Amino acid sequence: MLKSKRYLIHDRDPLFTAEFLSTLTEAGAQSVKLPPRSPNLNSYAERFIRSIKESRLERMILFGEDALRAAVIEFIAHYHGERKHQGIIFRDLSLLNRDGRARCQSRLGGMLNYYDRAA
């Protein structure tokens, strides 16, 4: 999982023990600690983690790492491409067709729903 990764940027959580950091160094990655009392440096990651935990993972029963990975991959696709937020920029204006009927699409067995227009 750490192949071709050079840095791990993390806070000063006690979970990052000396044993963990030595394993990280053996894998060829360098540990970079964030300054103390600086929550805004990692605000995007904190918001994403909070969103995925509160909206989906706390409502699912996952059996193993593969199920967790599949759920996270589906959530990331939804989070960055389908959910409505200010960060989505329409690159193809033909997607803004107002004549098509709205249709409901879903992911994760209906836990993530979004709407788009039929072409």
PDB file of N, CA and C in Angstrom:
ATOM      1  N   MET A   1       0.820  -1.189   0.000  1.00  0.00           N
ATOM      2  CA  MET A   1       0.000   0.000   0.000  1.00  0.00           C
ATOM      3  C   MET A   1       0.866   1.256   0.000  1.00  0.00           C
ATOM      4  N   LEU A   2       2.061   1.185   0.533  1.00  0.00           N
ATOM      5  CA  LEU A   2       2.942   2.356   0.570  1.00  0.00           C
ATOM      6  C   LEU A   2       3.911   2.402  -0.605  1.00  0.00           C
ATOM      7  N   LYS A   3       3.752   1.527  -1.559  1.00  0.00           N
ATOM      8  CA  LYS A   3       4.662   1.530  -2.699  1.00  0.00           C
ATOM      9  C   LYS A   3       4.535   2.855  -3.437  1.00  0.00           C
ATOM     10  N   SER A   4       5.643   3.405  -3.788  1.00  0.00           N
ATOM     11  CA  SER A   4       5.769   4.676  -4.519  1.00  0.00           C
ATOM     12  C   SER A   4       5.251   5.876  -3.727  1.00  0.00           C
ATOM     13  N   LYS A   5       5.052   5.735  -2.436  1.00  0.00           N
ATOM     14  CA  LYS A   5       4.660   6.863  -1.588  1.00  0.00           C
ATOM     15  C   LYS A   5       5.900   7.352  -0.858  1.00  0.00           C
ATOM     16  N   ARG A   6       6.127   8.649  -0.917  1.00  0.00           N
ATOM     17  CA  ARG A   6       7.347   9.194  -0.313  1.00  0.00           C
ATOM     18  C   ARG A   6       7.106   9.776   1.071  1.00  0.00           C
ATOM     19  N   TYR A   7       5.906  10.290   1.330  1.00  0.00           N
ATOM     20  CA  TYR A   7       5.638  10.978   2.592  1.00  0.00           C
ATOM     21  C   TYR A   7       4.301  10.535   3.173  1.00  0.00           C
ATOM     22  N   LEU A   8       4.223  10.534   4.493  1.00  0.00           N
ATOM     23  CA  LEU A   8       2.967  10.383   5.207  1.00  0.00           C
ATOM     24  C   LEU A   8       2.823  11.621   6.076  1.00  0.00           C
ATOM     25  N   ILE A   9       1.864  12.460   5.744  1.00  0.00           N
ATOM     26  CA  ILE A   9       1.619  13.672   6.524  1.00  0.00           C
ATOM     27  C   ILE A   9       0.554  13.323   7.559  1.00  0.00           C
ATOM     28  N   HIS A  10       0.871  13.545   8.827  1.00  0.00           N
ATOM     29  CA  HIS A  10      -0.057  13.155   9.888  1.00  0.00           C
ATOM     30  C   HIS A  10       0.018  14.150  11.052  1.00  0.00           C
ATOM     31  N   ASP A  11      -1.005  14.064  11.895  1.00  0.00           N
ATOM     32  CA  ASP A  11      -1.019  14.920  13.077  1.00  0.00           C
ATOM     33  C   ASP A  11      -0.194  14.269  14.184  1.00  0.00           C
ATOM     34  N   ARG A  12      -0.311  14.788  15.370  1.00  0.00           N
ATOM     35  CA  ARG A  12       0.504  14.286  16.482  1.00  0.00           C
ATOM     36  C   ARG A  12      -0.262  13.306  17.368  1.00  0.00           C
ATOM     37  N   ASP A  13      -1.134  12.567  16.773  1.00  0.00           N
ATOM     38  CA  ASP A  13      -1.927  11.574  17.484  1.00  0.00           C
ATOM     39  C   ASP A  13      -1.003  10.508  18.072  1.00  0.00           C
ATOM     40  N   PRO A  14      -1.263  10.077  19.308  1.00  0.00           N
ATOM     41  CA  PRO A  14      -0.417   9.045  19.911  1.00  0.00           C
ATOM     42  C   PRO A  14      -0.516   7.688  19.209  1.00  0.00           C
ATOM     43  N   LEU A  15      -1.449   7.530  18.285  1.00  0.00           N
ATOM     44  CA  LEU A  15      -1.537   6.279  17.532  1.00  0.00           C
ATOM     45  C   LEU A  15      -0.331   6.073  16.626  1.00  0.00           C
ATOM     46  N   PHE A  16       0.357   7.156  16.276  1.00  0.00           N
ATOM     47  CA  PHE A  16       1.565   7.051  15.451  1.00  0.00           C
ATOM     48  C   PHE A  16       2.751   6.772  16.373  1.00  0.00           C
ATOM     49  N   THR A  17       2.875   5.521  16.774  1.00  0.00           N
ATOM     50  CA  THR A  17       3.901   5.116  17.736  1.00  0.00           C
ATOM     51  C   THR A  17       5.264   5.015  17.056  1.00  0.00           C
ATOM     52  N   ALA A  18       6.291   4.856  17.867  1.00  0.00           N
ATOM     53  CA  ALA A  18       7.653   4.692  17.348  1.00  0.00           C
ATOM     54  C   ALA A  18       7.738   3.443  16.475  1.00  0.00           C
ATOM     55  N   GLU A  19       7.039   2.398  16.858  1.00  0.00           N
ATOM     56  CA  GLU A  19       7.027   1.159  16.068  1.00  0.00           C
ATOM     57  C   GLU A  19       6.408   1.406  14.693  1.00  0.00           C
ATOM     58  N   PHE A  20       5.291   2.129  14.662  1.00  0.00           N
ATOM     59  CA  PHE A  20       4.647   2.453  13.389  1.00  0.00           C
ATOM     60  C   PHE A  20       5.567   3.297  12.514  1.00  0.00           C
ATOM     61  N   LEU A  21       6.202   4.308  13.116  1.00  0.00           N
ATOM     62  CA  LEU A  21       7.082   5.188  12.347  1.00  0.00           C
ATOM     63  C   LEU A  21       8.311   4.446  11.819  1.00  0.00           C
ATOM     64  N   SER A  22       8.816   3.471  12.585  1.00  0.00           N
ATOM     65  CA  SER A  22       9.958   2.692  12.085  1.00  0.00           C
ATOM     66  C   SER A  22       9.525   1.790  10.928  1.00  0.00           C
ATOM     67  N   THR A  23       8.321   1.232  11.001  1.00  0.00           N
ATOM     68  CA  THR A  23       7.787   0.434   9.894  1.00  0.00           C
ATOM     69  C   THR A  23       7.617   1.296   8.650  1.00  0.00           C
ATOM     70  N   LEU A  24       7.181   2.507   8.853  1.00  0.00           N
ATOM     71  CA  LEU A  24       7.015   3.457   7.758  1.00  0.00           C
ATOM     72  C   LEU A  24       8.359   3.760   7.100  1.00  0.00           C
ATOM     73  N   THR A  25       9.373   3.967   7.905  1.00  0.00           N
ATOM     74  CA  THR A  25      10.714   4.252   7.385  1.00  0.00           C
ATOM     75  C   THR A  25      11.263   3.053   6.619  1.00  0.00           C
ATOM     76  N   GLU A  26      11.029   1.847   7.140  1.00  0.00           N
ATOM     77  CA  GLU A  26      11.474   0.640   6.449  1.00  0.00           C
ATOM     78  C   GLU A  26      10.810   0.482   5.085  1.00  0.00           C
ATOM     79  N   ALA A  27       9.582   0.989   4.965  1.00  0.00           N
ATOM     80  CA  ALA A  27       8.853   0.910   3.693  1.00  0.00           C
ATOM     81  C   ALA A  27       9.319   1.976   2.714  1.00  0.00           C
ATOM     82  N   GLY A  28      10.176   2.879   3.172  1.00  0.00           N
ATOM     83  CA  GLY A  28      10.725   3.900   2.284  1.00  0.00           C
ATOM     84  C   GLY A  28       9.973   5.211   2.287  1.00  0.00           C
ATOM     85  N   ALA A  29       9.053   5.388   3.217  1.00  0.00           N
ATOM     86  CA  ALA A  29       8.286   6.635   3.304  1.00  0.00           C
ATOM     87  C   ALA A  29       8.793   7.457   4.486  1.00  0.00           C
ATOM     88  N   GLN A  30       8.673   8.753   4.362  1.00  0.00           N
ATOM     89  CA  GLN A  30       9.130   9.662   5.419  1.00  0.00           C
ATOM     90  C   GLN A  30       7.924  10.211   6.172  1.00  0.00           C
ATOM     91  N   SER A  31       8.018  10.250   7.480  1.00  0.00           N
ATOM     92  CA  SER A  31       6.963  10.793   8.328  1.00  0.00           C
ATOM     93  C   SER A  31       7.096  12.313   8.423  1.00  0.00           C
ATOM     94  N   VAL A  32       5.998  13.026   8.170  1.00  0.00           N
ATOM     95  CA  VAL A  32       5.980  14.485   8.297  1.00  0.00           C
ATOM     96  C   VAL A  32       4.859  14.835   9.267  1.00  0.00           C
ATOM     97  N   LYS A  33       5.221  15.322  10.441  1.00  0.00           N
ATOM     98  CA  LYS A  33       4.230  15.681  11.456  1.00  0.00           C
ATOM     99  C   LYS A  33       3.761  17.108  11.243  1.00  0.00           C
ATOM    100  N   LEU A  34       2.456  17.308  11.395  1.00  0.00           N
ATOM    101  CA  LEU A  34       1.898  18.654  11.327  1.00  0.00           C
ATOM    102  C   LEU A  34       2.256  19.404  12.613  1.00  0.00           C
ATOM    103  N   PRO A  35       2.343  20.722  12.554  1.00  0.00           N
ATOM    104  CA  PRO A  35       2.636  21.482  13.772  1.00  0.00           C
ATOM    105  C   PRO A  35       1.531  21.295  14.824  1.00  0.00           C
ATOM    106  N   PRO A  36       1.875  21.431  16.101  1.00  0.00           N
ATOM    107  CA  PRO A  36       0.842  21.287  17.137  1.00  0.00           C
ATOM    108  C   PRO A  36      -0.192  22.408  17.053  1.00  0.00           C
ATOM    109  N   ARG A  37      -1.404  22.071  17.463  1.00  0.00           N
ATOM    110  CA  ARG A  37      -2.525  23.018  17.510  1.00  0.00           C
ATOM    111  C   ARG A  37      -2.725  23.754  16.184  1.00  0.00           C
ATOM    112  N   SER A  38      -2.812  22.988  15.110  1.00  0.00           N
ATOM    113  CA  SER A  38      -3.030  23.581  13.784  1.00  0.00           C
ATOM    114  C   SER A  38      -4.082  22.774  13.010  1.00  0.00           C
ATOM    115  N   PRO A  39      -5.337  22.802  13.471  1.00  0.00           N
ATOM    116  CA  PRO A  39      -6.364  21.973  12.826  1.00  0.00           C
ATOM    117  C   PRO A  39      -6.692  22.398  11.400  1.00  0.00           C
ATOM    118  N   ASN A  40      -6.451  23.643  11.035  1.00  0.00           N
ATOM    119  CA  ASN A  40      -6.821  24.097   9.702  1.00  0.00           C
ATOM    120  C   ASN A  40      -5.876  23.606   8.613  1.00  0.00           C
ATOM    121  N   LEU A  41      -4.717  23.087   8.964  1.00  0.00           N
ATOM    122  CA  LEU A  41      -3.796  22.580   7.960  1.00  0.00           C
ATOM    123  C   LEU A  41      -4.327  21.326   7.284  1.00  0.00           C
ATOM    124  N   ASN A  42      -5.163  20.608   7.966  1.00  0.00           N
ATOM    125  CA  ASN A  42      -5.658  19.349   7.448  1.00  0.00           C
ATOM    126  C   ASN A  42      -7.183  19.371   7.331  1.00  0.00           C
ATOM    127  N   SER A  43      -7.763  20.535   7.101  1.00  0.00           N
ATOM    128  CA  SER A  43      -9.214  20.683   7.157  1.00  0.00           C
ATOM    129  C   SER A  43      -9.942  19.890   6.078  1.00  0.00           C
ATOM    130  N   TYR A  44      -9.392  19.799   4.869  1.00  0.00           N
ATOM    131  CA  TYR A  44     -10.069  19.054   3.804  1.00  0.00           C
ATOM    132  C   TYR A  44     -10.124  17.567   4.124  1.00  0.00           C
ATOM    133  N   ALA A  45      -9.033  17.029   4.597  1.00  0.00           N
ATOM    134  CA  ALA A  45      -9.016  15.615   4.963  1.00  0.00           C
ATOM    135  C   ALA A  45      -9.936  15.357   6.148  1.00  0.00           C
ATOM    136  N   GLU A  46      -9.926  16.261   7.137  1.00  0.00           N
ATOM    137  CA  GLU A  46     -10.798  16.097   8.307  1.00  0.00           C
ATOM    138  C   GLU A  46     -12.269  16.105   7.887  1.00  0.00           C
ATOM    139  N   ARG A  47     -12.636  16.993   6.977  1.00  0.00           N
ATOM    140  CA  ARG A  47     -14.025  17.086   6.531  1.00  0.00           C
ATOM    141  C   ARG A  47     -14.434  15.829   5.761  1.00  0.00           C
ATOM    142  N   PHE A  48     -13.543  15.329   4.915  1.00  0.00           N
ATOM    143  CA  PHE A  48     -13.859  14.121   4.157  1.00  0.00           C
ATOM    144  C   PHE A  48     -14.055  12.932   5.102  1.00  0.00           C
ATOM    145  N   ILE A  49     -13.150  12.764   6.049  1.00  0.00           N
ATOM    146  CA  ILE A  49     -13.260  11.654   7.001  1.00  0.00           C
ATOM    147  C   ILE A  49     -14.561  11.760   7.793  1.00  0.00           C
ATOM    148  N   ARG A  50     -14.885  12.961   8.235  1.00  0.00           N
ATOM    149  CA  ARG A  50     -16.138  13.156   8.987  1.00  0.00           C
ATOM    150  C   ARG A  50     -17.345  12.819   8.121  1.00  0.00           C
ATOM    151  N   SER A  51     -17.328  13.246   6.851  1.00  0.00           N
ATOM    152  CA  SER A  51     -18.451  12.972   5.951  1.00  0.00           C
ATOM    153  C   SER A  51     -18.641  11.480   5.729  1.00  0.00           C
ATOM    154  N   ILE A  52     -17.570  10.774   5.429  1.00  0.00           N
ATOM    155  CA  ILE A  52     -17.713   9.343   5.126  1.00  0.00           C
ATOM    156  C   ILE A  52     -18.117   8.562   6.372  1.00  0.00           C
ATOM    157  N   LYS A  53     -17.594   8.936   7.527  1.00  0.00           N
ATOM    158  CA  LYS A  53     -17.962   8.217   8.750  1.00  0.00           C
ATOM    159  C   LYS A  53     -19.410   8.465   9.130  1.00  0.00           C
ATOM    160  N   GLU A  54     -19.825   9.727   9.136  1.00  0.00           N
ATOM    161  CA  GLU A  54     -21.176  10.051   9.596  1.00  0.00           C
ATOM    162  C   GLU A  54     -22.245   9.635   8.601  1.00  0.00           C
ATOM    163  N   SER A  55     -21.979   9.802   7.318  1.00  0.00           N
ATOM    164  CA  SER A  55     -23.049   9.552   6.364  1.00  0.00           C
ATOM    165  C   SER A  55     -23.160   8.090   5.941  1.00  0.00           C
ATOM    166  N   ARG A  56     -22.080   7.331   5.975  1.00  0.00           N
ATOM    167  CA  ARG A  56     -22.157   5.971   5.464  1.00  0.00           C
ATOM    168  C   ARG A  56     -21.589   4.904   6.373  1.00  0.00           C
ATOM    169  N   LEU A  57     -20.355   5.023   6.784  1.00  0.00           N
ATOM    170  CA  LEU A  57     -19.700   3.904   7.454  1.00  0.00           C
ATOM    171  C   LEU A  57     -20.338   3.544   8.780  1.00  0.00           C
ATOM    172  N   GLU A  58     -20.912   4.523   9.469  1.00  0.00           N
ATOM    173  CA  GLU A  58     -21.567   4.219  10.740  1.00  0.00           C
ATOM    174  C   GLU A  58     -22.900   3.508  10.534  1.00  0.00           C
ATOM    175  N   ARG A  59     -23.390   3.477   9.294  1.00  0.00           N
ATOM    176  CA  ARG A  59     -24.668   2.839   8.993  1.00  0.00           C
ATOM    177  C   ARG A  59     -24.500   1.499   8.292  1.00  0.00           C
ATOM    178  N   MET A  60     -23.276   1.051   8.134  1.00  0.00           N
ATOM    179  CA  MET A  60     -23.015  -0.180   7.396  1.00  0.00           C
ATOM    180  C   MET A  60     -22.344  -1.210   8.299  1.00  0.00           C
ATOM    181  N   ILE A  61     -22.597  -2.463   8.001  1.00  0.00           N
ATOM    182  CA  ILE A  61     -21.886  -3.559   8.655  1.00  0.00           C
ATOM    183  C   ILE A  61     -20.955  -4.133   7.598  1.00  0.00           C
ATOM    184  N   LEU A  62     -19.670  -4.008   7.825  1.00  0.00           N
ATOM    185  CA  LEU A  62     -18.677  -4.425   6.846  1.00  0.00           C
ATOM    186  C   LEU A  62     -17.970  -5.676   7.342  1.00  0.00           C
ATOM    187  N   PHE A  63     -17.827  -6.645   6.455  1.00  0.00           N
ATOM    188  CA  PHE A  63     -17.164  -7.892   6.799  1.00  0.00           C
ATOM    189  C   PHE A  63     -15.831  -7.959   6.078  1.00  0.00           C
ATOM    190  N   GLY A  64     -14.812  -7.405   6.680  1.00  0.00           N
ATOM    191  CA  GLY A  64     -13.472  -7.499   6.128  1.00  0.00           C
ATOM    192  C   GLY A  64     -13.011  -6.247   5.396  1.00  0.00           C
ATOM    193  N   GLU A  65     -11.725  -6.270   5.104  1.00  0.00           N
ATOM    194  CA  GLU A  65     -11.076  -5.130   4.466  1.00  0.00           C
ATOM    195  C   GLU A  65     -11.565  -4.911   3.038  1.00  0.00           C
ATOM    196  N   ASP A  66     -11.854  -5.992   2.319  1.00  0.00           N
ATOM    197  CA  ASP A  66     -12.325  -5.845   0.936  1.00  0.00           C
ATOM    198  C   ASP A  66     -13.662  -5.109   0.880  1.00  0.00           C
ATOM    199  N   ALA A  67     -14.562  -5.407   1.795  1.00  0.00           N
ATOM    200  CA  ALA A  67     -15.856  -4.720   1.836  1.00  0.00           C
ATOM    201  C   ALA A  67     -15.673  -3.240   2.163  1.00  0.00           C
ATOM    202  N   LEU A  68     -14.753  -2.950   3.085  1.00  0.00           N
ATOM    203  CA  LEU A  68     -14.466  -1.552   3.429  1.00  0.00           C
ATOM    204  C   LEU A  68     -13.895  -0.814   2.226  1.00  0.00           C
ATOM    205  N   ARG A  69     -12.932  -1.435   1.548  1.00  0.00           N
ATOM    206  CA  ARG A  69     -12.342  -0.793   0.366  1.00  0.00           C
ATOM    207  C   ARG A  69     -13.391  -0.517  -0.708  1.00  0.00           C
ATOM    208  N   ALA A  70     -14.258  -1.471  -0.975  1.00  0.00           N
ATOM    209  CA  ALA A  70     -15.301  -1.296  -1.989  1.00  0.00           C
ATOM    210  C   ALA A  70     -16.234  -0.147  -1.612  1.00  0.00           C
ATOM    211  N   ALA A  71     -16.618  -0.078  -0.339  1.00  0.00           N
ATOM    212  CA  ALA A  71     -17.504   0.998   0.115  1.00  0.00           C
ATOM    213  C   ALA A  71     -16.826   2.358   0.004  1.00  0.00           C
ATOM    214  N   VAL A  72     -15.561   2.433   0.357  1.00  0.00           N
ATOM    215  CA  VAL A  72     -14.826   3.705   0.277  1.00  0.00           C
ATOM    216  C   VAL A  72     -14.662   4.144  -1.174  1.00  0.00           C
ATOM    217  N   ILE A  73     -14.366   3.210  -2.074  1.00  0.00           N
ATOM    218  CA  ILE A  73     -14.225   3.546  -3.495  1.00  0.00           C
ATOM    219  C   ILE A  73     -15.537   4.087  -4.053  1.00  0.00           C
ATOM    220  N   GLU A  74     -16.650   3.459  -3.712  1.00  0.00           N
ATOM    221  CA  GLU A  74     -17.956   3.941  -4.166  1.00  0.00           C
ATOM    222  C   GLU A  74     -18.251   5.323  -3.587  1.00  0.00           C
ATOM    223  N   PHE A  75     -17.932   5.531  -2.311  1.00  0.00           N
ATOM    224  CA  PHE A  75     -18.193   6.828  -1.698  1.00  0.00           C
ATOM    225  C   PHE A  75     -17.340   7.917  -2.331  1.00  0.00           C
ATOM    226  N   ILE A  76     -16.086   7.617  -2.627  1.00  0.00           N
ATOM    227  CA  ILE A  76     -15.208   8.610  -3.250  1.00  0.00           C
ATOM    228  C   ILE A  76     -15.742   9.006  -4.625  1.00  0.00           C
ATOM    229  N   ALA A  77     -16.187   8.024  -5.413  1.00  0.00           N
ATOM    230  CA  ALA A  77     -16.754   8.337  -6.728  1.00  0.00           C
ATOM    231  C   ALA A  77     -17.971   9.244  -6.584  1.00  0.00           C
ATOM    232  N   HIS A  78     -18.801   8.969  -5.604  1.00  0.00           N
ATOM    233  CA  HIS A  78     -19.983   9.797  -5.363  1.00  0.00           C
ATOM    234  C   HIS A  78     -19.593  11.176  -4.840  1.00  0.00           C
ATOM    235  N   TYR A  79     -18.681  11.220  -3.897  1.00  0.00           N
ATOM    236  CA  TYR A  79     -18.287  12.462  -3.232  1.00  0.00           C
ATOM    237  C   TYR A  79     -17.678  13.453  -4.218  1.00  0.00           C
ATOM    238  N   HIS A  80     -16.839  12.964  -5.124  1.00  0.00           N
ATOM    239  CA  HIS A  80     -16.142  13.858  -6.042  1.00  0.00           C
ATOM    240  C   HIS A  80     -16.861  14.090  -7.361  1.00  0.00           C
ATOM    241  N   GLY A  81     -17.816  13.248  -7.718  1.00  0.00           N
ATOM    242  CA  GLY A  81     -18.406  13.405  -9.032  1.00  0.00           C
ATOM    243  C   GLY A  81     -19.901  13.569  -9.111  1.00  0.00           C
ATOM    244  N   GLU A  82     -20.628  13.110  -8.108  1.00  0.00           N
ATOM    245  CA  GLU A  82     -22.077  13.067  -8.257  1.00  0.00           C
ATOM    246  C   GLU A  82     -22.850  13.914  -7.258  1.00  0.00           C
ATOM    247  N   ARG A  83     -22.343  14.057  -6.069  1.00  0.00           N
ATOM    248  CA  ARG A  83     -23.103  14.828  -5.080  1.00  0.00           C
ATOM    249  C   ARG A  83     -23.096  16.298  -5.459  1.00  0.00           C
ATOM    250  N   LYS A  84     -24.101  16.985  -5.046  1.00  0.00           N
ATOM    251  CA  LYS A  84     -24.232  18.398  -5.397  1.00  0.00           C
ATOM    252  C   LYS A  84     -23.469  19.251  -4.389  1.00  0.00           C
ATOM    253  N   HIS A  85     -22.508  19.996  -4.873  1.00  0.00           N
ATOM    254  CA  HIS A  85     -21.758  20.930  -4.059  1.00  0.00           C
ATOM    255  C   HIS A  85     -21.132  21.970  -4.963  1.00  0.00           C
ATOM    256  N   GLN A  86     -20.573  22.985  -4.412  1.00  0.00           N
ATOM    257  CA  GLN A  86     -20.057  24.099  -5.197  1.00  0.00           C
ATOM    258  C   GLN A  86     -18.814  23.739  -5.997  1.00  0.00           C
ATOM    259  N   GLY A  87     -18.152  22.658  -5.669  1.00  0.00           N
ATOM    260  CA  GLY A  87     -16.918  22.316  -6.341  1.00  0.00           C
ATOM    261  C   GLY A  87     -17.095  21.638  -7.686  1.00  0.00           C
ATOM    262  N   ILE A  88     -18.322  21.184  -8.018  1.00  0.00           N
ATOM    263  CA  ILE A  88     -18.525  20.515  -9.298  1.00  0.00           C
ATOM    264  C   ILE A  88     -18.617  21.566 -10.396  1.00  0.00           C
ATOM    265  N   ILE A  89     -17.786  21.416 -11.396  1.00  0.00           N
ATOM    266  CA  ILE A  89     -17.784  22.324 -12.538  1.00  0.00           C
ATOM    267  C   ILE A  89     -18.193  21.516 -13.758  1.00  0.00           C
ATOM    268  N   PHE A  90     -19.189  21.985 -14.480  1.00  0.00           N
ATOM    269  CA  PHE A  90     -19.626  21.291 -15.678  1.00  0.00           C
ATOM    270  C   PHE A  90     -18.667  21.600 -16.815  1.00  0.00           C
ATOM    271  N   ARG A  91     -17.975  20.588 -17.278  1.00  0.00           N
ATOM    272  CA  ARG A  91     -17.042  20.782 -18.388  1.00  0.00           C
ATOM    273  C   ARG A  91     -17.754  20.663 -19.729  1.00  0.00           C
ATOM    274  N   ASP A  92     -18.821  19.882 -19.767  1.00  0.00           N
ATOM    275  CA  ASP A  92     -19.576  19.678 -20.995  1.00  0.00           C
ATOM    276  C   ASP A  92     -20.958  20.280 -20.780  1.00  0.00           C
ATOM    277  N   LEU A  93     -21.232  21.407 -21.412  1.00  0.00           N
ATOM    278  CA  LEU A  93     -22.498  22.102 -21.194  1.00  0.00           C
ATOM    279  C   LEU A  93     -23.689  21.320 -21.711  1.00  0.00           C
ATOM    280  N   SER A  94     -23.456  20.305 -22.543  1.00  0.00           N
ATOM    281  CA  SER A  94     -24.579  19.492 -23.005  1.00  0.00           C
ATOM    282  C   SER A  94     -25.176  18.680 -21.856  1.00  0.00           C
ATOM    283  N   LEU A  95     -24.426  18.534 -20.761  1.00  0.00           N
ATOM    284  CA  LEU A  95     -24.953  17.826 -19.591  1.00  0.00           C
ATOM    285  C   LEU A  95     -26.041  18.625 -18.890  1.00  0.00           C
ATOM    286  N   LEU A  96     -26.150  19.902 -19.212  1.00  0.00           N
ATOM    287  CA  LEU A  96     -27.138  20.756 -18.566  1.00  0.00           C
ATOM    288  C   LEU A  96     -28.469  20.779 -19.318  1.00  0.00           C
ATOM    289  N   ASN A  97     -28.735  19.768 -20.115  1.00  0.00           N
ATOM    290  CA  ASN A  97     -29.971  19.684 -20.876  1.00  0.00           C
ATOM    291  C   ASN A  97     -31.162  19.711 -19.920  1.00  0.00           C
ATOM    292  N   ARG A  98     -32.026  20.673 -20.095  1.00  0.00           N
ATOM    293  CA  ARG A  98     -33.190  20.821 -19.211  1.00  0.00           C
ATOM    294  C   ARG A  98     -34.409  20.074 -19.734  1.00  0.00           C
ATOM    295  N   ASP A  99     -34.339  19.522 -20.950  1.00  0.00           N
ATOM    296  CA  ASP A  99     -35.498  18.867 -21.545  1.00  0.00           C
ATOM    297  C   ASP A  99     -35.655  17.412 -21.116  1.00  0.00           C
ATOM    298  N   GLY A 100     -34.565  16.770 -20.727  1.00  0.00           N
ATOM    299  CA  GLY A 100     -34.632  15.357 -20.348  1.00  0.00           C
ATOM    300  C   GLY A 100     -35.304  15.173 -18.999  1.00  0.00           C
ATOM    301  N   ARG A 101     -35.839  13.997 -18.781  1.00  0.00           N
ATOM    302  CA  ARG A 101     -36.470  13.689 -17.499  1.00  0.00           C
ATOM    303  C   ARG A 101     -35.398  13.407 -16.455  1.00  0.00           C
ATOM    304  N   ALA A 102     -35.642  13.835 -15.241  1.00  0.00           N
ATOM    305  CA  ALA A 102     -34.711  13.544 -14.144  1.00  0.00           C
ATOM    306  C   ALA A 102     -34.816  12.066 -13.801  1.00  0.00           C
ATOM    307  N   ARG A 103     -33.675  11.438 -13.540  1.00  0.00           N
ATOM    308  CA  ARG A 103     -33.674  10.038 -13.145  1.00  0.00           C
ATOM    309  C   ARG A 103     -32.808   9.874 -11.912  1.00  0.00           C
ATOM    310  N   CYS A 104     -33.185   8.940 -11.096  1.00  0.00           N
ATOM    311  CA  CYS A 104     -32.462   8.677  -9.861  1.00  0.00           C
ATOM    312  C   CYS A 104     -31.433   7.586 -10.106  1.00  0.00           C
ATOM    313  N   GLN A 105     -30.206   7.843  -9.688  1.00  0.00           N
ATOM    314  CA  GLN A 105     -29.132   6.857  -9.743  1.00  0.00           C
ATOM    315  C   GLN A 105     -28.731   6.553  -8.300  1.00  0.00           C
ATOM    316  N   SER A 106     -28.193   5.384  -8.069  1.00  0.00           N
ATOM    317  CA  SER A 106     -27.803   5.054  -6.694  1.00  0.00           C
ATOM    318  C   SER A 106     -26.521   4.243  -6.669  1.00  0.00           C
ATOM    319  N   ARG A 107     -25.876   4.282  -5.514  1.00  0.00           N
ATOM    320  CA  ARG A 107     -24.670   3.505  -5.218  1.00  0.00           C
ATOM    321  C   ARG A 107     -24.838   2.876  -3.843  1.00  0.00           C
ATOM    322  N   LEU A 108     -24.017   1.918  -3.557  1.00  0.00           N
ATOM    323  CA  LEU A 108     -24.006   1.233  -2.252  1.00  0.00           C
ATOM    324  C   LEU A 108     -25.395   0.729  -1.866  1.00  0.00           C
ATOM    325  N   GLY A 109     -26.057   0.095  -2.799  1.00  0.00           N
ATOM    326  CA  GLY A 109     -27.356  -0.499  -2.503  1.00  0.00           C
ATOM    327  C   GLY A 109     -28.428   0.509  -2.163  1.00  0.00           C
ATOM    328  N   GLY A 110     -28.338   1.699  -2.690  1.00  0.00           N
ATOM    329  CA  GLY A 110     -29.343   2.729  -2.451  1.00  0.00           C
ATOM    330  C   GLY A 110     -29.014   3.682  -1.316  1.00  0.00           C
ATOM    331  N   MET A 111     -27.862   3.516  -0.676  1.00  0.00           N
ATOM    332  CA  MET A 111     -27.503   4.430   0.411  1.00  0.00           C
ATOM    333  C   MET A 111     -27.047   5.782  -0.110  1.00  0.00           C
ATOM    334  N   LEU A 112     -26.482   5.824  -1.309  1.00  0.00           N
ATOM    335  CA  LEU A 112     -26.065   7.068  -1.925  1.00  0.00           C
ATOM    336  C   LEU A 112     -26.928   7.287  -3.158  1.00  0.00           C
ATOM    337  N   ASN A 113     -27.743   8.323  -3.160  1.00  0.00           N
ATOM    338  CA  ASN A 113     -28.603   8.633  -4.284  1.00  0.00           C
ATOM    339  C   ASN A 113     -28.241   9.973  -4.869  1.00  0.00           C
ATOM    340  N   TYR A 114     -28.365  10.074  -6.180  1.00  0.00           N
ATOM    341  CA  TYR A 114     -28.151  11.341  -6.865  1.00  0.00           C
ATOM    342  C   TYR A 114     -29.033  11.359  -8.089  1.00  0.00           C
ATOM    343  N   TYR A 115     -29.282  12.531  -8.617  1.00  0.00           N
ATOM    344  CA  TYR A 115     -30.192  12.691  -9.738  1.00  0.00           C
ATOM    345  C   TYR A 115     -29.471  13.340 -10.894  1.00  0.00           C
ATOM    346  N   ASP A 116     -29.790  12.902 -12.087  1.00  0.00           N
ATOM    347  CA  ASP A 116     -29.286  13.549 -13.291  1.00  0.00           C
ATOM    348  C   ASP A 116     -30.385  13.517 -14.335  1.00  0.00           C
ATOM    349  N   ARG A 117     -30.126  14.151 -15.455  1.00  0.00           N
ATOM    350  CA  ARG A 117     -31.124  14.188 -16.528  1.00  0.00           C
ATOM    351  C   ARG A 117     -30.740  13.200 -17.613  1.00  0.00           C
ATOM    352  N   ALA A 118     -31.748  12.542 -18.152  1.00  0.00           N
ATOM    353  CA  ALA A 118     -31.512  11.609 -19.254  1.00  0.00           C
ATOM    354  C   ALA A 118     -31.081  12.388 -20.485  1.00  0.00           C
ATOM    355  N   ALA A 119     -30.199  11.810 -21.253  1.00  0.00           N
ATOM    356  CA  ALA A 119     -29.711  12.492 -22.458  1.00  0.00           C
ATOM    357  C   ALA A 119     -30.762  12.514 -23.545  1.00  0.00           C
TER     358      ALA A 119
END
